[in-house]
Amino acid sequence: MSTHSADTHFKGKQDRYKGVIIDSEEEECTDITDFCKKLDDSLKIWTENELRGIWFKVHLNQSEWVPVLAKNGFKYHHAKEEYILMYKWLPKTENSNIPPFAHTMLGVGAVVINDRNELLIVREKHNIRNVVHYKLPGGYVEPGENIVDAAIREVHEETNIRTEFQSVLTLRHTHGSAYNCSDIYMVVHLKALTDNIIKCEREIAEAKWIDIKDFLNHPDITQLNKFFVRKYLEYKDNAIKINCFHGIHELMNKAYTMYSVTKSDIDVHEKALENVK
C-alpha cells in the first residue's frame, strides 16, 4: 500500500465499501491551484491503493472546487442547501456500484375518529384544480421523523386536534411525483384526544368533523380517500390492526420501528421483541 504525506493529498475518511469521503470544511484548500495539484496527487494515490468510490462533500464556502472536480471526472450525486456531494468511481474493470440518491418521497395521512364516531376531514386552501375537495389531514414526513409521529404532528398543525396512534391502515405507492421521485403515502388510524378544531390559517380553508356514512357518500371526496376509511371499518370489524414497536438493531446498533399485523386487543409495544430472535 502506497505511503505519502497527508499534506500532499486529501486524507478523508474511508468508508466500509473501500471508498473515501472528503469534507471541504475539514480539509480546506483555499488556493485553487493548490487544490488542483492536491486532487491530482490524491487520485494517483487512491488508484494505487485500489480504492473504489471517491466522494467530495463540497460546502458553499468552497464552491470553486466544483468545476475542478467535474473536469476530473467527478459526477453530481445530490445537493442540499449548504453542500453538494460529488463522486468518482475509480475501478476500470468493475462496474460502478454507487447507489442513486434517495428517490422516494414519504407522506402520511390520518383517519382521525372521535368519541362520536365522526371523522376529521380538511379542505386545503391552495387547490390547483380549483375544485371543492375534502381529504384526510396529513402531509410529508420530515427527515429523521417516524411515520406515526409525522401523522400526529400534521393533524395537530392543520386542525389543533391532539391524537394517539391506533393502527397503520394502508400504503399507497406511485411513481413520477415531485422531482420525478416515487411517492409512498401511508394512512394511519388515530384516536382523537381533543375535539375543538382550530384550523391552520395558512394551509387549511376548512376543517370539520363528519359522520362516516356521510363521508362515504360525499360527492366531493375521492374514491381513494373513501377506500382508506373503508379499510378502517374493515380492520375494526375484524379486530385487527397494524401496530408498531421500537427496537435497537443487534448488529447495526441503530434504532428502528417495526410494523406488524396483530389482533387489536394485543399490545405489542412491550412484548413484540420477545418474539424477535
Protein backbone atom coordinates (compact mmCIF):
# COMPACT_ATOMS: atom_id res chain seq x y z
CA MET A 1 0.00 0.00 0.00
CA SER A 2 1.35 3.41 -1.00
CA THR A 3 2.55 5.81 1.71
CA HIS A 4 2.56 9.57 1.13
CA SER A 5 2.48 12.65 3.32
CA ALA A 6 -1.10 13.73 4.13
CA ASP A 7 -0.02 17.31 3.35
CA THR A 8 0.27 16.47 -0.35
CA HIS A 9 -3.06 14.70 -0.72
CA PHE A 10 -6.53 14.58 0.81
CA LYS A 11 -6.82 12.21 3.74
CA GLY A 12 -10.61 11.88 4.01
CA LYS A 13 -12.44 9.15 5.87
CA GLN A 14 -12.54 5.63 4.48
CA ASP A 15 -15.96 4.00 4.30
CA ARG A 16 -16.84 0.32 4.61
CA TYR A 17 -17.02 -0.09 0.82
CA LYS A 18 -13.31 0.72 0.33
CA GLY A 19 -14.10 4.26 -0.65
CA VAL A 20 -13.10 7.59 0.84
CA ILE A 21 -15.11 10.70 1.78
CA ILE A 22 -13.54 14.17 1.78
CA ASP A 23 -15.30 17.07 3.52
CA SER A 24 -14.26 20.50 2.22
CA GLU A 25 -14.73 22.09 5.66
CA GLU A 26 -12.49 19.53 7.35
CA GLU A 27 -9.70 19.65 4.74
CA GLU A 28 -9.71 23.21 3.47
CA CYS A 29 -7.65 24.23 0.46
CA THR A 30 -8.14 27.94 -0.17
CA ASP A 31 -5.85 28.30 -3.18
CA ILE A 32 -7.46 26.75 -6.27
CA THR A 33 -4.06 26.00 -7.82
CA ASP A 34 -3.07 24.08 -4.70
CA PHE A 35 -6.40 22.28 -4.82
CA CYS A 36 -5.81 21.13 -8.40
CA LYS A 37 -2.38 19.76 -7.51
CA LYS A 38 -3.60 18.11 -4.32
CA LEU A 39 -6.52 16.50 -6.16
CA ASP A 40 -4.24 15.17 -8.90
CA ASP A 41 -1.85 13.65 -6.36
CA SER A 42 -4.74 12.21 -4.36
CA LEU A 43 -6.30 10.50 -7.39
CA LYS A 44 -2.97 8.83 -8.17
CA ILE A 45 -2.61 7.58 -4.58
CA TRP A 46 -6.21 6.35 -4.38
CA THR A 47 -5.80 4.50 -7.66
CA GLU A 48 -2.55 2.88 -6.45
CA ASN A 49 -4.31 1.79 -3.26
CA GLU A 50 -7.21 0.36 -5.28
CA LEU A 51 -9.86 2.47 -3.62
CA ARG A 52 -13.28 2.45 -5.25
CA GLY A 53 -15.76 5.29 -4.74
CA ILE A 54 -14.29 8.75 -4.06
CA TRP A 55 -16.70 11.28 -2.54
CA PHE A 56 -16.28 15.03 -2.16
CA LYS A 57 -18.70 16.88 0.11
CA VAL A 58 -18.26 20.47 -1.07
CA HIS A 59 -19.74 23.24 1.09
CA LEU A 60 -20.76 26.67 -0.21
CA ASN A 61 -17.56 28.32 1.01
CA GLN A 62 -15.52 26.00 -1.21
CA SER A 63 -17.84 26.02 -4.24
CA GLU A 64 -14.92 26.84 -6.55
CA TRP A 65 -13.92 23.18 -6.15
CA VAL A 66 -16.97 22.00 -8.10
CA PRO A 67 -15.87 22.81 -11.69
CA VAL A 68 -12.40 21.39 -10.99
CA LEU A 69 -13.89 18.14 -9.72
CA ALA A 70 -16.22 17.97 -12.73
CA LYS A 71 -13.27 18.37 -15.13
CA ASN A 72 -11.57 15.48 -13.33
CA GLY A 73 -14.44 13.07 -13.93
CA PHE A 74 -16.49 13.61 -10.78
CA LYS A 75 -20.27 13.45 -11.14
CA TYR A 76 -23.05 15.04 -9.12
CA HIS A 77 -24.74 12.72 -6.66
CA HIS A 78 -27.02 15.12 -4.78
CA ALA A 79 -27.20 18.60 -3.33
CA LYS A 80 -28.55 20.14 -0.14
CA GLU A 81 -28.90 23.81 0.78
CA GLU A 82 -25.38 24.01 2.22
CA TYR A 83 -23.38 21.50 0.18
CA ILE A 84 -23.10 19.37 -2.95
CA LEU A 85 -21.89 15.76 -2.97
CA MET A 86 -19.81 14.62 -5.95
CA TYR A 87 -18.30 11.22 -6.65
CA LYS A 88 -15.95 9.33 -8.94
CA TRP A 89 -15.76 5.57 -9.44
CA LEU A 90 -12.11 4.58 -9.84
CA PRO A 91 -12.03 0.86 -10.83
CA LYS A 92 -11.69 0.41 -14.59
CA THR A 93 -12.63 -3.27 -14.64
CA GLU A 94 -15.59 -3.09 -12.26
CA ASN A 95 -18.98 -1.56 -12.95
CA SER A 96 -19.92 1.35 -10.73
CA ASN A 97 -21.68 0.29 -7.57
CA ILE A 98 -22.58 3.83 -6.45
CA PRO A 99 -26.21 3.86 -5.23
CA PRO A 100 -28.55 6.57 -6.52
CA PHE A 101 -29.63 9.30 -4.13
CA ALA A 102 -32.89 8.90 -2.19
CA HIS A 103 -35.61 8.55 -4.80
CA THR A 104 -38.83 8.17 -2.81
CA MET A 105 -40.90 10.78 -1.01
CA LEU A 106 -42.89 9.72 2.07
CA GLY A 107 -46.22 11.23 3.03
CA VAL A 108 -48.76 10.33 5.67
CA GLY A 109 -52.50 10.79 6.13
CA ALA A 110 -54.69 10.13 9.15
CA VAL A 111 -58.13 8.66 9.70
CA VAL A 112 -58.93 10.53 12.93
CA ILE A 113 -62.01 9.28 14.80
CA ASN A 114 -63.58 10.98 17.82
CA ASP A 115 -65.81 9.60 20.59
CA ARG A 116 -68.92 10.28 18.47
CA ASN A 117 -67.52 8.05 15.72
CA GLU A 118 -67.00 11.07 13.49
CA LEU A 119 -64.17 11.52 11.02
CA LEU A 120 -61.89 14.57 10.82
CA ILE A 121 -61.55 16.00 7.29
CA VAL A 122 -59.94 19.09 5.81
CA ARG A 123 -60.10 21.18 2.65
CA GLU A 124 -56.82 22.72 1.57
CA LYS A 125 -56.64 26.45 0.91
CA HIS A 126 -54.41 26.14 -2.15
CA ASN A 127 -56.01 23.75 -4.63
CA ILE A 128 -54.52 23.87 -8.13
CA ARG A 129 -57.59 22.20 -9.62
CA ASN A 130 -59.81 24.94 -8.16
CA VAL A 131 -62.49 22.46 -7.08
CA VAL A 132 -64.02 21.71 -3.67
CA HIS A 133 -62.18 18.66 -2.40
CA TYR A 134 -62.20 17.24 1.12
CA LYS A 135 -59.41 14.93 2.26
CA LEU A 136 -57.75 13.41 5.28
CA PRO A 137 -55.36 15.63 7.24
CA GLY A 138 -51.69 14.86 6.71
CA GLY A 139 -48.51 15.83 4.90
CA TYR A 140 -44.89 14.91 4.28
CA VAL A 141 -42.74 13.08 6.81
CA GLU A 142 -39.79 15.23 7.89
CA PRO A 143 -36.20 13.87 7.69
CA GLY A 144 -35.49 11.72 10.74
CA GLU A 145 -39.16 11.66 11.76
CA ASN A 146 -41.13 8.48 12.44
CA ILE A 147 -44.27 7.90 10.37
CA VAL A 148 -46.61 7.85 13.37
CA ASP A 149 -45.06 10.99 14.84
CA ALA A 150 -45.47 12.76 11.50
CA ALA A 151 -49.17 11.88 11.32
CA ILE A 152 -49.79 13.13 14.86
CA ARG A 153 -47.84 16.33 14.16
CA GLU A 154 -49.58 17.07 10.85
CA VAL A 155 -53.05 16.59 12.34
CA HIS A 156 -52.24 18.95 15.19
CA GLU A 157 -50.69 21.57 12.89
CA GLU A 158 -53.64 21.55 10.50
CA THR A 159 -56.53 21.23 12.95
CA ASN A 160 -55.23 21.65 16.54
CA ILE A 161 -56.62 18.18 17.36
CA ARG A 162 -54.41 16.05 19.60
CA THR A 163 -54.36 12.34 18.85
CA GLU A 164 -52.82 8.99 19.70
CA PHE A 165 -51.83 6.15 17.38
CA GLN A 166 -54.07 3.12 16.86
CA SER A 167 -53.05 1.37 13.63
CA VAL A 168 -51.48 1.65 10.20
CA LEU A 169 -54.23 1.20 7.60
CA THR A 170 -52.82 1.36 4.07
CA LEU A 171 -49.73 2.04 1.96
CA ARG A 172 -50.05 3.64 -1.49
CA HIS A 173 -47.03 3.59 -3.84
CA THR A 174 -46.77 5.63 -7.06
CA HIS A 175 -44.07 6.93 -9.42
CA GLY A 176 -43.22 10.13 -11.29
CA SER A 177 -44.17 12.50 -8.48
CA ALA A 178 -42.35 15.66 -7.31
CA TYR A 179 -38.74 15.87 -8.59
CA ASN A 180 -39.54 12.72 -10.60
CA CYS A 181 -39.38 10.71 -7.37
CA SER A 182 -41.55 7.79 -6.40
CA ASP A 183 -44.05 8.52 -3.64
CA ILE A 184 -45.30 6.46 -0.70
CA TYR A 185 -48.43 7.61 1.14
CA MET A 186 -49.20 5.80 4.37
CA VAL A 187 -52.53 6.19 6.13
CA VAL A 188 -52.86 5.57 9.85
CA HIS A 189 -55.77 5.46 12.27
CA LEU A 190 -55.52 7.99 15.10
CA LYS A 191 -57.84 8.36 18.07
CA ALA A 192 -58.85 11.94 18.82
CA LEU A 193 -57.99 13.08 22.34
CA THR A 194 -59.45 16.58 21.91
CA ASP A 195 -62.43 17.85 19.96
CA ASN A 196 -62.11 21.60 19.37
CA ILE A 197 -60.92 22.36 15.84
CA ILE A 198 -58.71 25.38 15.17
CA LYS A 199 -57.70 25.24 11.53
CA CYS A 200 -54.31 26.33 10.22
CA GLU A 201 -54.99 29.67 8.51
CA ARG A 202 -52.00 29.33 6.21
CA GLU A 203 -52.85 25.94 4.70
CA ILE A 204 -56.42 24.93 5.53
CA ALA A 205 -59.60 26.51 4.15
CA GLU A 206 -61.95 24.30 6.18
CA ALA A 207 -61.70 21.55 8.80
CA LYS A 208 -64.64 19.71 10.31
CA TRP A 209 -65.99 16.52 11.83
CA ILE A 210 -68.24 14.44 9.59
CA ASP A 211 -70.28 11.28 10.10
CA ILE A 212 -68.51 8.34 8.45
CA LYS A 213 -71.59 7.39 6.41
CA ASP A 214 -71.88 10.95 5.13
CA PHE A 215 -68.19 10.88 4.24
CA LEU A 216 -68.54 7.69 2.23
CA ASN A 217 -71.46 9.17 0.28
CA HIS A 218 -69.99 12.66 -0.17
CA PRO A 219 -69.64 13.75 -3.84
CA ASP A 220 -66.56 15.92 -3.18
CA ILE A 221 -64.37 13.14 -1.80
CA THR A 222 -62.24 10.88 -3.98
CA GLN A 223 -62.75 7.14 -4.13
CA LEU A 224 -59.22 6.62 -2.84
CA ASN A 225 -59.94 8.61 0.34
CA LYS A 226 -63.14 6.62 0.79
CA PHE A 227 -61.11 3.42 0.38
CA PHE A 228 -58.86 4.45 3.29
CA VAL A 229 -61.86 4.88 5.57
CA ARG A 230 -63.42 1.60 4.43
CA LYS A 231 -60.19 -0.10 5.44
CA TYR A 232 -60.51 1.45 8.89
CA LEU A 233 -64.02 -0.03 9.18
CA GLU A 234 -62.79 -3.40 7.92
CA TYR A 235 -59.97 -3.51 10.46
CA LYS A 236 -62.38 -2.55 13.21
CA ASP A 237 -64.92 -5.23 12.24
CA ASN A 238 -62.23 -7.91 12.13
CA ALA A 239 -60.48 -6.78 15.34
CA ILE A 240 -57.09 -6.44 13.65
CA LYS A 241 -54.55 -3.67 13.40
CA ILE A 242 -51.04 -2.97 12.14
CA ASN A 243 -49.24 -1.96 15.29
CA CYS A 244 -45.71 -0.66 15.81
CA PHE A 245 -42.93 -1.03 18.31
CA HIS A 246 -39.41 0.34 18.63
CA GLY A 247 -36.17 -1.59 18.97
CA ILE A 248 -32.40 -1.46 18.54
CA HIS A 249 -30.78 -3.50 15.75
CA GLU A 250 -28.46 -6.08 17.31
CA LEU A 251 -25.70 -5.73 14.69
CA MET A 252 -26.02 -2.12 13.50
CA ASN A 253 -26.89 -0.71 16.95
CA LYS A 254 -29.43 1.61 15.32
CA ALA A 255 -32.96 2.40 16.43
CA TYR A 256 -35.80 1.14 14.24
CA THR A 257 -39.59 0.99 14.21
CA MET A 258 -41.29 -2.28 13.26
CA TYR A 259 -44.86 -2.54 11.94
CA SER A 260 -46.77 -5.81 12.14
CA VAL A 261 -50.31 -7.17 11.93
CA THR A 262 -51.84 -8.23 15.22
CA LYS A 263 -55.14 -8.63 16.98
CA SER A 264 -56.46 -5.27 18.13
CA ASP A 265 -56.70 -6.41 21.77
CA ILE A 266 -52.98 -7.30 21.95
CA ASP A 267 -50.41 -4.70 22.95
CA VAL A 268 -47.19 -5.45 21.08
CA HIS A 269 -45.23 -2.41 22.23
CA GLU A 270 -43.53 -4.24 25.11
CA LYS A 271 -43.98 -7.88 24.08
CA ALA A 272 -43.01 -7.92 20.41
CA LEU A 273 -39.26 -8.03 20.96
CA GLU A 274 -39.67 -11.28 22.90
CA ASN A 275 -40.58 -12.97 19.60
CA VAL A 276 -37.79 -11.37 17.55
CA LYS A 277 -34.71 -13.57 17.58
